[in-house]
Protein backbone atom coordinates (compact mmCIF):
# COMPACT_ATOMS: atom_id res chain seq x y z
CA MET A 1 138.05 4.83 215.98
CA LYS A 2 138.98 3.68 219.47
CA LEU A 3 140.35 0.21 220.20
CA ASN A 4 139.71 -1.52 223.50
CA ASN A 5 142.71 -1.79 225.81
CA LYS A 6 143.36 -5.51 225.19
CA VAL A 7 143.53 -5.04 221.41
CA TYR A 8 145.62 -1.89 221.79
CA GLN A 9 148.15 -3.60 224.08
CA PHE A 10 148.44 -6.58 221.73
CA LEU A 11 148.99 -4.37 218.67
CA LYS A 12 151.56 -2.31 220.56
CA TRP A 13 153.50 -5.47 221.52
CA PHE A 14 153.15 -6.84 217.99
CA LEU A 15 154.46 -3.64 216.40
CA ILE A 16 157.24 -2.84 218.87
CA ILE A 17 158.60 -6.31 219.66
CA PHE A 18 157.37 -9.00 217.28
CA THR A 19 157.50 -7.28 213.88
CA PRO A 20 161.12 -6.04 214.02
CA ALA A 21 162.24 -9.43 215.35
CA LEU A 22 160.40 -11.23 212.53
CA ILE A 23 161.85 -8.96 209.83
CA THR A 24 165.35 -9.47 211.28
CA LEU A 25 164.87 -13.24 211.40
CA ILE A 26 163.67 -13.41 207.79
CA GLY A 27 166.44 -11.12 206.57
CA THR A 28 169.11 -13.10 208.40
CA LEU A 29 167.85 -16.47 207.20
CA GLY A 30 167.71 -15.08 203.67
CA LYS A 31 171.40 -14.18 203.85
CA ILE A 32 172.34 -17.55 205.35
CA TYR A 33 170.35 -19.63 202.85
CA ASN A 34 170.82 -17.24 199.93
CA PHE A 35 167.22 -16.40 199.07
CA ASP A 36 165.57 -13.08 198.30
CA THR A 37 163.72 -11.62 201.29
CA GLU A 38 162.83 -8.19 199.92
CA THR A 39 159.23 -8.96 198.98
CA ILE A 40 158.25 -10.55 202.28
CA THR A 41 160.05 -8.01 204.48
CA LEU A 42 158.52 -5.11 202.55
CA THR A 43 155.08 -6.71 202.88
CA ILE A 44 155.47 -7.18 206.63
CA GLY A 45 156.78 -3.62 206.96
CA ALA A 46 153.83 -2.20 205.02
CA ILE A 47 151.31 -4.09 207.17
CA ALA A 48 153.10 -3.00 210.34
CA THR A 49 153.06 0.63 209.20
CA PHE A 50 149.33 0.44 208.50
CA LEU A 51 148.63 -1.12 211.91
CA GLY A 52 150.86 1.48 213.56
CA VAL A 53 148.81 4.29 212.05
CA ILE A 54 145.55 2.66 213.20
CA THR A 55 146.99 2.20 216.70
CA GLY A 56 148.20 5.81 216.77
CA ILE A 57 144.79 7.12 215.73
CA SER A 58 143.14 5.03 218.43
CA ASN A 59 145.59 6.33 221.04
CA TYR A 60 144.99 9.93 219.93
CA ASN A 61 141.21 9.50 220.15
CA TYR A 62 141.49 7.90 223.59
CA LYS A 63 143.66 10.73 224.94
CA LYS A 64 141.35 13.33 223.38
CA GLU A 65 138.44 11.93 225.43
CA GLN A 66 140.39 12.13 228.71
């Protein structure tokens, strides 16, 4: 599997910048408003981990071709 550069760059930004910020925002708001955030943050983390593996495999395959 090899992603095109536009998709790869978006996923990289999404995984490195957006996902941690989103998890922090949800966790913080949960503390402020006293609601349980475990389920949603674990779900987001699991999806991010899956996408990170896919992105890593794509990067490996790209570098292998070079």
